[in-house]
């Protein structure tokens, strides 16, 4: 099982932006979409950091919501966060979910 409470908010957003090309819009929460061929497929919401701490971590509840919104297991998200999983690998997973009718 993944570590759920050790994901740094800033790093999660950077990972999702750089690897998955998710463009987050600002507000009370940062929300973005993973798109396939211009179609919005998966919506991801990450709350803004509070208190100006650049080292703040996602709560377990929020981490679980982010992982679920990406249709990943804890281990797969760990792989995406720690870098073994590329954006291409994630796209293949989403394509398989689409083909199987789960998305």
PDB file of N, CA and C in Angstrom:
ATOM      1  N   UNK A   1       0.842  -1.184   0.000  1.00  0.00           N
ATOM      2  CA  UNK A   1       0.000   0.000   0.000  1.00  0.00           C
ATOM      3  C   UNK A   1       0.882   1.241   0.000  1.00  0.00           C
ATOM      4  N   UNK A   2       0.404   2.304  -0.636  1.00  0.00           N
ATOM      5  CA  UNK A   2       1.158   3.543  -0.747  1.00  0.00           C
ATOM      6  C   UNK A   2       1.227   4.292   0.568  1.00  0.00           C
ATOM      7  N   UNK A   3       1.978   5.358   0.551  1.00  0.00           N
ATOM      8  CA  UNK A   3       2.243   6.096   1.780  1.00  0.00           C
ATOM      9  C   UNK A   3       1.255   7.220   2.039  1.00  0.00           C
ATOM     10  N   UNK A   4       0.353   7.515   1.174  1.00  0.00           N
ATOM     11  CA  UNK A   4      -0.734   8.486   1.265  1.00  0.00           C
ATOM     12  C   UNK A   4      -0.466   9.820   1.962  1.00  0.00           C
ATOM     13  N   UNK A   5       0.263   9.855   3.062  1.00  0.00           N
ATOM     14  CA  UNK A   5       0.433  11.129   3.755  1.00  0.00           C
ATOM     15  C   UNK A   5       1.756  11.822   3.432  1.00  0.00           C
ATOM     16  N   UNK A   6       2.556  11.256   2.583  1.00  0.00           N
ATOM     17  CA  UNK A   6       3.862  11.834   2.301  1.00  0.00           C
ATOM     18  C   UNK A   6       3.937  12.535   0.954  1.00  0.00           C
ATOM     19  N   UNK A   7       2.829  12.815   0.328  1.00  0.00           N
ATOM     20  CA  UNK A   7       2.832  13.492  -0.963  1.00  0.00           C
ATOM     21  C   UNK A   7       2.825  14.997  -0.753  1.00  0.00           C
ATOM     22  N   UNK A   8       3.869  15.663  -1.210  1.00  0.00           N
ATOM     23  CA  UNK A   8       3.967  17.117  -1.103  1.00  0.00           C
ATOM     24  C   UNK A   8       3.060  17.757  -2.149  1.00  0.00           C
ATOM     25  N   UNK A   9       2.241  18.701  -1.720  1.00  0.00           N
ATOM     26  CA  UNK A   9       1.247  19.332  -2.586  1.00  0.00           C
ATOM     27  C   UNK A   9       1.880  19.928  -3.837  1.00  0.00           C
ATOM     28  N   UNK A  10       2.922  20.705  -3.656  1.00  0.00           N
ATOM     29  CA  UNK A  10       3.572  21.372  -4.774  1.00  0.00           C
ATOM     30  C   UNK A  10       4.139  20.356  -5.776  1.00  0.00           C
ATOM     31  N   UNK A  11       4.721  19.286  -5.255  1.00  0.00           N
ATOM     32  CA  UNK A  11       5.308  18.256  -6.124  1.00  0.00           C
ATOM     33  C   UNK A  11       4.223  17.479  -6.875  1.00  0.00           C
ATOM     34  N   UNK A  12       3.104  17.205  -6.226  1.00  0.00           N
ATOM     35  CA  UNK A  12       1.994  16.515  -6.891  1.00  0.00           C
ATOM     36  C   UNK A  12       1.509  17.354  -8.072  1.00  0.00           C
ATOM     37  N   UNK A  13       1.295  18.635  -7.838  1.00  0.00           N
ATOM     38  CA  UNK A  13       0.820  19.519  -8.909  1.00  0.00           C
ATOM     39  C   UNK A  13       1.848  19.588 -10.032  1.00  0.00           C
ATOM     40  N   UNK A  14       3.129  19.690  -9.684  1.00  0.00           N
ATOM     41  CA  UNK A  14       4.181  19.713 -10.701  1.00  0.00           C
ATOM     42  C   UNK A  14       4.227  18.429 -11.509  1.00  0.00           C
ATOM     43  N   UNK A  15       4.084  17.316 -10.837  1.00  0.00           N
ATOM     44  CA  UNK A  15       4.088  16.009 -11.501  1.00  0.00           C
ATOM     45  C   UNK A  15       2.916  15.892 -12.477  1.00  0.00           C
ATOM     46  N   UNK A  16       1.738  16.261 -12.029  1.00  0.00           N
ATOM     47  CA  UNK A  16       0.551  16.165 -12.879  1.00  0.00           C
ATOM     48  C   UNK A  16       0.612  17.149 -14.038  1.00  0.00           C
ATOM     49  N   UNK A  17       1.186  18.307 -13.801  1.00  0.00           N
ATOM     50  CA  UNK A  17       1.327  19.311 -14.856  1.00  0.00           C
ATOM     51  C   UNK A  17       2.349  18.855 -15.892  1.00  0.00           C
ATOM     52  N   UNK A  18       3.516  18.419 -15.437  1.00  0.00           N
ATOM     53  CA  UNK A  18       4.603  18.079 -16.349  1.00  0.00           C
ATOM     54  C   UNK A  18       4.434  16.734 -17.042  1.00  0.00           C
ATOM     55  N   UNK A  19       3.998  15.721 -16.309  1.00  0.00           N
ATOM     56  CA  UNK A  19       3.889  14.383 -16.896  1.00  0.00           C
ATOM     57  C   UNK A  19       2.592  14.169 -17.657  1.00  0.00           C
ATOM     58  N   UNK A  20       1.497  14.700 -17.116  1.00  0.00           N
ATOM     59  CA  UNK A  20       0.183  14.420 -17.701  1.00  0.00           C
ATOM     60  C   UNK A  20      -0.392  15.607 -18.460  1.00  0.00           C
ATOM     61  N   UNK A  21       0.359  16.701 -18.512  1.00  0.00           N
ATOM     62  CA  UNK A  21      -0.065  17.912 -19.227  1.00  0.00           C
ATOM     63  C   UNK A  21      -1.406  18.446 -18.742  1.00  0.00           C
ATOM     64  N   UNK A  22      -1.631  18.341 -17.440  1.00  0.00           N
ATOM     65  CA  UNK A  22      -2.858  18.881 -16.859  1.00  0.00           C
ATOM     66  C   UNK A  22      -2.615  20.358 -16.559  1.00  0.00           C
ATOM     67  N   UNK A  23      -3.447  21.203 -17.122  1.00  0.00           N
ATOM     68  CA  UNK A  23      -3.357  22.645 -16.879  1.00  0.00           C
ATOM     69  C   UNK A  23      -4.340  22.986 -15.764  1.00  0.00           C
ATOM     70  N   UNK A  24      -3.816  23.295 -14.599  1.00  0.00           N
ATOM     71  CA  UNK A  24      -4.665  23.614 -13.461  1.00  0.00           C
ATOM     72  C   UNK A  24      -5.089  25.069 -13.516  1.00  0.00           C
ATOM     73  N   UNK A  25      -6.346  25.316 -13.150  1.00  0.00           N
ATOM     74  CA  UNK A  25      -6.817  26.694 -13.021  1.00  0.00           C
ATOM     75  C   UNK A  25      -6.910  26.985 -11.540  1.00  0.00           C
ATOM     76  N   UNK A  26      -6.604  28.198 -11.184  1.00  0.00           N
ATOM     77  CA  UNK A  26      -6.582  28.587  -9.770  1.00  0.00           C
ATOM     78  C   UNK A  26      -7.968  28.955  -9.280  1.00  0.00           C
ATOM     79  N   UNK A  27      -8.124  28.886  -8.009  1.00  0.00           N
ATOM     80  CA  UNK A  27      -9.350  29.214  -7.302  1.00  0.00           C
ATOM     81  C   UNK A  27      -9.134  28.756  -5.879  1.00  0.00           C
ATOM     82  N   UNK A  28     -10.198  28.441  -5.180  1.00  0.00           N
ATOM     83  CA  UNK A  28     -10.040  27.874  -3.841  1.00  0.00           C
ATOM     84  C   UNK A  28      -9.340  26.532  -3.909  1.00  0.00           C
ATOM     85  N   UNK A  29      -9.546  25.844  -5.025  1.00  0.00           N
ATOM     86  CA  UNK A  29      -8.881  24.581  -5.303  1.00  0.00           C
ATOM     87  C   UNK A  29      -8.288  24.694  -6.702  1.00  0.00           C
ATOM     88  N   UNK A  30      -7.257  23.935  -6.945  1.00  0.00           N
ATOM     89  CA  UNK A  30      -6.679  23.895  -8.277  1.00  0.00           C
ATOM     90  C   UNK A  30      -7.286  22.700  -8.990  1.00  0.00           C
ATOM     91  N   UNK A  31      -7.986  22.969 -10.072  1.00  0.00           N
ATOM     92  CA  UNK A  31      -8.697  21.938 -10.804  1.00  0.00           C
ATOM     93  C   UNK A  31      -8.172  21.884 -12.232  1.00  0.00           C
ATOM     94  N   UNK A  32      -8.019  20.680 -12.736  1.00  0.00           N
ATOM     95  CA  UNK A  32      -7.579  20.499 -14.114  1.00  0.00           C
ATOM     96  C   UNK A  32      -8.131  19.205 -14.678  1.00  0.00           C
ATOM     97  N   UNK A  33      -7.949  19.034 -15.961  1.00  0.00           N
ATOM     98  CA  UNK A  33      -8.466  17.860 -16.663  1.00  0.00           C
ATOM     99  C   UNK A  33      -7.349  17.135 -17.395  1.00  0.00           C
ATOM    100  N   UNK A  34      -7.380  15.798 -17.348  1.00  0.00           N
ATOM    101  CA  UNK A  34      -6.537  14.994 -18.229  1.00  0.00           C
ATOM    102  C   UNK A  34      -7.354  14.802 -19.491  1.00  0.00           C
ATOM    103  N   UNK A  35      -6.768  15.190 -20.620  1.00  0.00           N
ATOM    104  CA  UNK A  35      -7.485  15.139 -21.887  1.00  0.00           C
ATOM    105  C   UNK A  35      -6.888  14.090 -22.820  1.00  0.00           C
ATOM    106  N   UNK A  36      -7.771  13.465 -23.578  1.00  0.00           N
ATOM    107  CA  UNK A  36      -7.377  12.523 -24.621  1.00  0.00           C
ATOM    108  C   UNK A  36      -7.974  13.038 -25.916  1.00  0.00           C
ATOM    109  N   UNK A  37      -7.092  13.379 -26.846  1.00  0.00           N
ATOM    110  CA  UNK A  37      -7.501  13.896 -28.152  1.00  0.00           C
ATOM    111  C   UNK A  37      -8.491  15.054 -28.025  1.00  0.00           C
ATOM    112  N   UNK A  38      -8.180  15.965 -27.110  1.00  0.00           N
ATOM    113  CA  UNK A  38      -8.995  17.155 -26.917  1.00  0.00           C
ATOM    114  C   UNK A  38     -10.253  16.956 -26.093  1.00  0.00           C
ATOM    115  N   UNK A  39     -10.522  15.724 -25.677  1.00  0.00           N
ATOM    116  CA  UNK A  39     -11.712  15.444 -24.875  1.00  0.00           C
ATOM    117  C   UNK A  39     -11.318  15.311 -23.401  1.00  0.00           C
ATOM    118  N   UNK A  40     -12.032  16.028 -22.534  1.00  0.00           N
ATOM    119  CA  UNK A  40     -11.769  15.958 -21.107  1.00  0.00           C
ATOM    120  C   UNK A  40     -12.226  14.606 -20.579  1.00  0.00           C
ATOM    121  N   UNK A  41     -11.275  13.864 -19.979  1.00  0.00           N
ATOM    122  CA  UNK A  41     -11.566  12.502 -19.525  1.00  0.00           C
ATOM    123  C   UNK A  41     -11.605  12.403 -18.001  1.00  0.00           C
ATOM    124  N   UNK A  42     -10.546  12.883 -17.336  1.00  0.00           N
ATOM    125  CA  UNK A  42     -10.441  12.752 -15.886  1.00  0.00           C
ATOM    126  C   UNK A  42     -10.249  14.120 -15.240  1.00  0.00           C
ATOM    127  N   UNK A  43     -11.102  14.453 -14.290  1.00  0.00           N
ATOM    128  CA  UNK A  43     -11.001  15.725 -13.571  1.00  0.00           C
ATOM    129  C   UNK A  43     -10.202  15.501 -12.285  1.00  0.00           C
ATOM    130  N   UNK A  44      -9.231  16.380 -12.045  1.00  0.00           N
ATOM    131  CA  UNK A  44      -8.392  16.279 -10.860  1.00  0.00           C
ATOM    132  C   UNK A  44      -8.459  17.595 -10.096  1.00  0.00           C
ATOM    133  N   UNK A  45      -8.686  17.511  -8.797  1.00  0.00           N
ATOM    134  CA  UNK A  45      -8.739  18.693  -7.942  1.00  0.00           C
ATOM    135  C   UNK A  45      -7.753  18.525  -6.800  1.00  0.00           C
ATOM    136  N   UNK A  46      -6.905  19.540  -6.623  1.00  0.00           N
ATOM    137  CA  UNK A  46      -5.931  19.549  -5.529  1.00  0.00           C
ATOM    138  C   UNK A  46      -6.126  20.859  -4.775  1.00  0.00           C
ATOM    139  N   UNK A  47      -6.366  20.804  -3.458  1.00  0.00           N
ATOM    140  CA  UNK A  47      -6.561  22.040  -2.712  1.00  0.00           C
ATOM    141  C   UNK A  47      -5.278  22.861  -2.685  1.00  0.00           C
ATOM    142  N   UNK A  48      -5.445  24.170  -2.595  1.00  0.00           N
ATOM    143  CA  UNK A  48      -4.282  25.052  -2.474  1.00  0.00           C
ATOM    144  C   UNK A  48      -3.630  24.843  -1.120  1.00  0.00           C
ATOM    145  N   UNK A  49      -2.328  25.103  -1.084  1.00  0.00           N
ATOM    146  CA  UNK A  49      -1.611  25.038   0.188  1.00  0.00           C
ATOM    147  C   UNK A  49      -2.045  26.208   1.054  1.00  0.00           C
ATOM    148  N   UNK A  50      -2.123  25.984   2.335  1.00  0.00           N
ATOM    149  CA  UNK A  50      -2.484  27.050   3.262  1.00  0.00           C
ATOM    150  C   UNK A  50      -1.291  27.375   4.142  1.00  0.00           C
ATOM    151  N   UNK A  51      -1.178  28.608   4.524  1.00  0.00           N
ATOM    152  CA  UNK A  51      -0.119  29.023   5.425  1.00  0.00           C
ATOM    153  C   UNK A  51       1.203  29.313   4.748  1.00  0.00           C
ATOM    154  N   UNK A  52       1.262  29.210   3.437  1.00  0.00           N
ATOM    155  CA  UNK A  52       2.479  29.542   2.718  1.00  0.00           C
ATOM    156  C   UNK A  52       3.610  28.544   2.887  1.00  0.00           C
ATOM    157  N   UNK A  53       3.334  27.399   3.424  1.00  0.00           N
ATOM    158  CA  UNK A  53       4.373  26.389   3.616  1.00  0.00           C
ATOM    159  C   UNK A  53       4.602  25.623   2.332  1.00  0.00           C
ATOM    160  N   UNK A  54       5.809  25.735   1.793  1.00  0.00           N
ATOM    161  CA  UNK A  54       6.106  25.042   0.542  1.00  0.00           C
ATOM    162  C   UNK A  54       6.284  23.552   0.751  1.00  0.00           C
ATOM    163  N   UNK A  55       6.356  23.120   2.002  1.00  0.00           N
ATOM    164  CA  UNK A  55       6.556  21.709   2.274  1.00  0.00           C
ATOM    165  C   UNK A  55       5.301  21.002   2.744  1.00  0.00           C
ATOM    166  N   UNK A  56       4.126  21.604   2.559  1.00  0.00           N
ATOM    167  CA  UNK A  56       2.907  20.974   3.068  1.00  0.00           C
ATOM    168  C   UNK A  56       2.583  19.707   2.291  1.00  0.00           C
ATOM    169  N   UNK A  57       2.024  18.759   2.996  1.00  0.00           N
ATOM    170  CA  UNK A  57       1.661  17.474   2.409  1.00  0.00           C
ATOM    171  C   UNK A  57       0.155  17.386   2.246  1.00  0.00           C
ATOM    172  N   UNK A  58      -0.265  16.570   1.288  1.00  0.00           N
ATOM    173  CA  UNK A  58      -1.692  16.295   1.140  1.00  0.00           C
ATOM    174  C   UNK A  58      -2.142  15.441   2.317  1.00  0.00           C
ATOM    175  N   UNK A  59      -3.337  15.701   2.811  1.00  0.00           N
ATOM    176  CA  UNK A  59      -3.893  14.830   3.843  1.00  0.00           C
ATOM    177  C   UNK A  59      -4.192  13.477   3.202  1.00  0.00           C
ATOM    178  N   UNK A  60      -4.353  12.459   4.021  1.00  0.00           N
ATOM    179  CA  UNK A  60      -4.661  11.123   3.486  1.00  0.00           C
ATOM    180  C   UNK A  60      -5.966  11.155   2.685  1.00  0.00           C
ATOM    181  N   UNK A  61      -6.955  11.900   3.183  1.00  0.00           N
ATOM    182  CA  UNK A  61      -8.248  11.985   2.509  1.00  0.00           C
ATOM    183  C   UNK A  61      -8.094  12.617   1.124  1.00  0.00           C
ATOM    184  N   UNK A  62      -7.354  13.712   1.044  1.00  0.00           N
ATOM    185  CA  UNK A  62      -7.160  14.405  -0.232  1.00  0.00           C
ATOM    186  C   UNK A  62      -6.317  13.553  -1.175  1.00  0.00           C
ATOM    187  N   UNK A  63      -5.269  12.919  -0.650  1.00  0.00           N
ATOM    188  CA  UNK A  63      -4.438  12.044  -1.484  1.00  0.00           C
ATOM    189  C   UNK A  63      -5.292  10.939  -2.095  1.00  0.00           C
ATOM    190  N   UNK A  64      -6.174  10.348  -1.305  1.00  0.00           N
ATOM    191  CA  UNK A  64      -7.049   9.277  -1.786  1.00  0.00           C
ATOM    192  C   UNK A  64      -7.952   9.804  -2.903  1.00  0.00           C
ATOM    193  N   UNK A  65      -8.492  11.024  -2.753  1.00  0.00           N
ATOM    194  CA  UNK A  65      -9.354  11.613  -3.784  1.00  0.00           C
ATOM    195  C   UNK A  65      -8.595  11.843  -5.080  1.00  0.00           C
ATOM    196  N   UNK A  66      -7.360  12.343  -4.986  1.00  0.00           N
ATOM    197  CA  UNK A  66      -6.546  12.576  -6.178  1.00  0.00           C
ATOM    198  C   UNK A  66      -6.259  11.249  -6.876  1.00  0.00           C
ATOM    199  N   UNK A  67      -5.854  10.250  -6.101  1.00  0.00           N
ATOM    200  CA  UNK A  67      -5.544   8.928  -6.661  1.00  0.00           C
ATOM    201  C   UNK A  67      -6.773   8.330  -7.328  1.00  0.00           C
ATOM    202  N   UNK A  68      -7.917   8.402  -6.662  1.00  0.00           N
ATOM    203  CA  UNK A  68      -9.149   7.862  -7.232  1.00  0.00           C
ATOM    204  C   UNK A  68      -9.571   8.610  -8.492  1.00  0.00           C
ATOM    205  N   UNK A  69      -9.391   9.922  -8.509  1.00  0.00           N
ATOM    206  CA  UNK A  69      -9.802  10.698  -9.683  1.00  0.00           C
ATOM    207  C   UNK A  69      -8.957  10.349 -10.897  1.00  0.00           C
ATOM    208  N   UNK A  70      -7.730   9.879 -10.670  1.00  0.00           N
ATOM    209  CA  UNK A  70      -6.857   9.469 -11.769  1.00  0.00           C
ATOM    210  C   UNK A  70      -7.024   7.984 -12.115  1.00  0.00           C
ATOM    211  N   UNK A  71      -7.876   7.289 -11.380  1.00  0.00           N
ATOM    212  CA  UNK A  71      -8.137   5.863 -11.563  1.00  0.00           C
ATOM    213  C   UNK A  71      -6.872   5.025 -11.392  1.00  0.00           C
ATOM    214  N   UNK A  72      -6.076   5.400 -10.388  1.00  0.00           N
ATOM    215  CA  UNK A  72      -4.833   4.699 -10.102  1.00  0.00           C
ATOM    216  C   UNK A  72      -4.924   3.982  -8.767  1.00  0.00           C
ATOM    217  N   UNK A  73      -4.069   2.972  -8.591  1.00  0.00           N
ATOM    218  CA  UNK A  73      -3.898   2.357  -7.279  1.00  0.00           C
ATOM    219  C   UNK A  73      -2.866   3.198  -6.526  1.00  0.00           C
ATOM    220  N   UNK A  74      -2.737   2.948  -5.230  1.00  0.00           N
ATOM    221  CA  UNK A  74      -1.719   3.659  -4.446  1.00  0.00           C
ATOM    222  C   UNK A  74      -0.334   3.425  -5.044  1.00  0.00           C
ATOM    223  N   UNK A  75      -0.057   2.178  -5.421  1.00  0.00           N
ATOM    224  CA  UNK A  75       1.246   1.830  -5.966  1.00  0.00           C
ATOM    225  C   UNK A  75       1.495   2.533  -7.296  1.00  0.00           C
ATOM    226  N   UNK A  76       0.475   2.614  -8.150  1.00  0.00           N
ATOM    227  CA  UNK A  76       0.625   3.300  -9.434  1.00  0.00           C
ATOM    228  C   UNK A  76       0.868   4.795  -9.232  1.00  0.00           C
ATOM    229  N   UNK A  77       0.168   5.393  -8.268  1.00  0.00           N
ATOM    230  CA  UNK A  77       0.392   6.810  -7.995  1.00  0.00           C
ATOM    231  C   UNK A  77       1.794   7.031  -7.437  1.00  0.00           C
ATOM    232  N   UNK A  78       2.253   6.126  -6.561  1.00  0.00           N
ATOM    233  CA  UNK A  78       3.630   6.205  -6.070  1.00  0.00           C
ATOM    234  C   UNK A  78       4.604   6.219  -7.245  1.00  0.00           C
ATOM    235  N   UNK A  79       4.351   5.356  -8.209  1.00  0.00           N
ATOM    236  CA  UNK A  79       5.213   5.255  -9.390  1.00  0.00           C
ATOM    237  C   UNK A  79       5.178   6.545 -10.204  1.00  0.00           C
ATOM    238  N   UNK A  80       4.014   7.124 -10.348  1.00  0.00           N
ATOM    239  CA  UNK A  80       3.887   8.395 -11.074  1.00  0.00           C
ATOM    240  C   UNK A  80       4.601   9.507 -10.305  1.00  0.00           C
ATOM    241  N   UNK A  81       4.416   9.549  -9.004  1.00  0.00           N
ATOM    242  CA  UNK A  81       4.998  10.583  -8.137  1.00  0.00           C
ATOM    243  C   UNK A  81       6.524  10.454  -8.054  1.00  0.00           C
ATOM    244  N   UNK A  82       7.008   9.227  -7.936  1.00  0.00           N
ATOM    245  CA  UNK A  82       8.446   8.989  -7.772  1.00  0.00           C
ATOM    246  C   UNK A  82       9.196   8.898  -9.103  1.00  0.00           C
ATOM    247  N   UNK A  83       8.488   8.955 -10.208  1.00  0.00           N
ATOM    248  CA  UNK A  83       9.043   9.059 -11.560  1.00  0.00           C
ATOM    249  C   UNK A  83       9.174   7.786 -12.402  1.00  0.00           C
ATOM    250  N   UNK A  84       9.050   6.568 -11.895  1.00  0.00           N
ATOM    251  CA  UNK A  84       9.138   5.439 -12.830  1.00  0.00           C
ATOM    252  C   UNK A  84       8.017   5.432 -13.876  1.00  0.00           C
ATOM    253  N   UNK A  85       6.812   5.925 -13.522  1.00  0.00           N
ATOM    254  CA  UNK A  85       5.712   5.959 -14.483  1.00  0.00           C
ATOM    255  C   UNK A  85       5.765   7.272 -15.256  1.00  0.00           C
ATOM    256  N   UNK A  86       5.746   7.146 -16.573  1.00  0.00           N
ATOM    257  CA  UNK A  86       5.768   8.341 -17.423  1.00  0.00           C
ATOM    258  C   UNK A  86       4.347   8.735 -17.808  1.00  0.00           C
ATOM    259  N   UNK A  87       4.234   9.882 -18.422  1.00  0.00           N
ATOM    260  CA  UNK A  87       2.941  10.315 -18.938  1.00  0.00           C
ATOM    261  C   UNK A  87       2.423   9.356 -20.003  1.00  0.00           C
ATOM    262  N   UNK A  88       3.324   8.797 -20.801  1.00  0.00           N
ATOM    263  CA  UNK A  88       2.947   7.822 -21.837  1.00  0.00           C
ATOM    264  C   UNK A  88       2.379   6.562 -21.194  1.00  0.00           C
ATOM    265  N   UNK A  89       2.996   6.112 -20.107  1.00  0.00           N
ATOM    266  CA  UNK A  89       2.488   4.933 -19.391  1.00  0.00           C
ATOM    267  C   UNK A  89       1.083   5.196 -18.862  1.00  0.00           C
ATOM    268  N   UNK A  90       0.871   6.402 -18.309  1.00  0.00           N
ATOM    269  CA  UNK A  90      -0.449   6.753 -17.796  1.00  0.00           C
ATOM    270  C   UNK A  90      -1.468   6.789 -18.931  1.00  0.00           C
ATOM    271  N   UNK A  91      -1.094   7.348 -20.060  1.00  0.00           N
ATOM    272  CA  UNK A  91      -1.998   7.420 -21.212  1.00  0.00           C
ATOM    273  C   UNK A  91      -2.410   6.021 -21.661  1.00  0.00           C
ATOM    274  N   UNK A  92      -1.470   5.068 -21.656  1.00  0.00           N
ATOM    275  CA  UNK A  92      -1.799   3.678 -22.018  1.00  0.00           C
ATOM    276  C   UNK A  92      -2.828   3.108 -21.046  1.00  0.00           C
ATOM    277  N   UNK A  93      -2.665   3.410 -19.761  1.00  0.00           N
ATOM    278  CA  UNK A  93      -3.628   2.932 -18.763  1.00  0.00           C
ATOM    279  C   UNK A  93      -5.012   3.515 -19.029  1.00  0.00           C
ATOM    280  N   UNK A  94      -5.083   4.812 -19.319  1.00  0.00           N
ATOM    281  CA  UNK A  94      -6.361   5.458 -19.608  1.00  0.00           C
ATOM    282  C   UNK A  94      -6.974   4.871 -20.881  1.00  0.00           C
ATOM    283  N   UNK A  95      -6.163   4.668 -21.910  1.00  0.00           N
ATOM    284  CA  UNK A  95      -6.668   4.049 -23.142  1.00  0.00           C
ATOM    285  C   UNK A  95      -7.270   2.680 -22.869  1.00  0.00           C
ATOM    286  N   UNK A  96      -6.633   1.891 -22.010  1.00  0.00           N
ATOM    287  CA  UNK A  96      -7.175   0.568 -21.646  1.00  0.00           C
ATOM    288  C   UNK A  96      -8.489   0.700 -20.882  1.00  0.00           C
ATOM    289  N   UNK A  97      -8.598   1.698 -20.006  1.00  0.00           N
ATOM    290  CA  UNK A  97      -9.855   1.924 -19.286  1.00  0.00           C
ATOM    291  C   UNK A  97     -10.976   2.326 -20.245  1.00  0.00           C
ATOM    292  N   UNK A  98     -10.631   3.119 -21.250  1.00  0.00           N
ATOM    293  CA  UNK A  98     -11.629   3.534 -22.254  1.00  0.00           C
ATOM    294  C   UNK A  98     -12.071   2.326 -23.059  1.00  0.00           C
ATOM    295  N   UNK A  99     -11.112   1.513 -23.508  1.00  0.00           N
ATOM    296  CA  UNK A  99     -11.446   0.326 -24.313  1.00  0.00           C
ATOM    297  C   UNK A  99     -12.299  -0.665 -23.546  1.00  0.00           C
ATOM    298  N   UNK A 100     -12.063  -0.775 -22.238  1.00  0.00           N
ATOM    299  CA  UNK A 100     -12.825  -1.730 -21.427  1.00  0.00           C
ATOM    300  C   UNK A 100     -14.176  -1.161 -20.986  1.00  0.00           C
ATOM    301  N   UNK A 101     -14.440   0.101 -21.327  1.00  0.00           N
ATOM    302  CA  UNK A 101     -15.726   0.722 -20.988  1.00  0.00           C
ATOM    303  C   UNK A 101     -15.797   1.252 -19.565  1.00  0.00           C
ATOM    304  N   UNK A 102     -14.662   1.322 -18.877  1.00  0.00           N
ATOM    305  CA  UNK A 102     -14.656   1.822 -17.495  1.00  0.00           C
ATOM    306  C   UNK A 102     -14.559   3.333 -17.432  1.00  0.00           C
ATOM    307  N   UNK A 103     -14.309   3.965 -18.565  1.00  0.00           N
ATOM    308  CA  UNK A 103     -14.297   5.430 -18.654  1.00  0.00           C
ATOM    309  C   UNK A 103     -15.152   5.862 -19.807  1.00  0.00           C
TER     310      UNK A 103
END
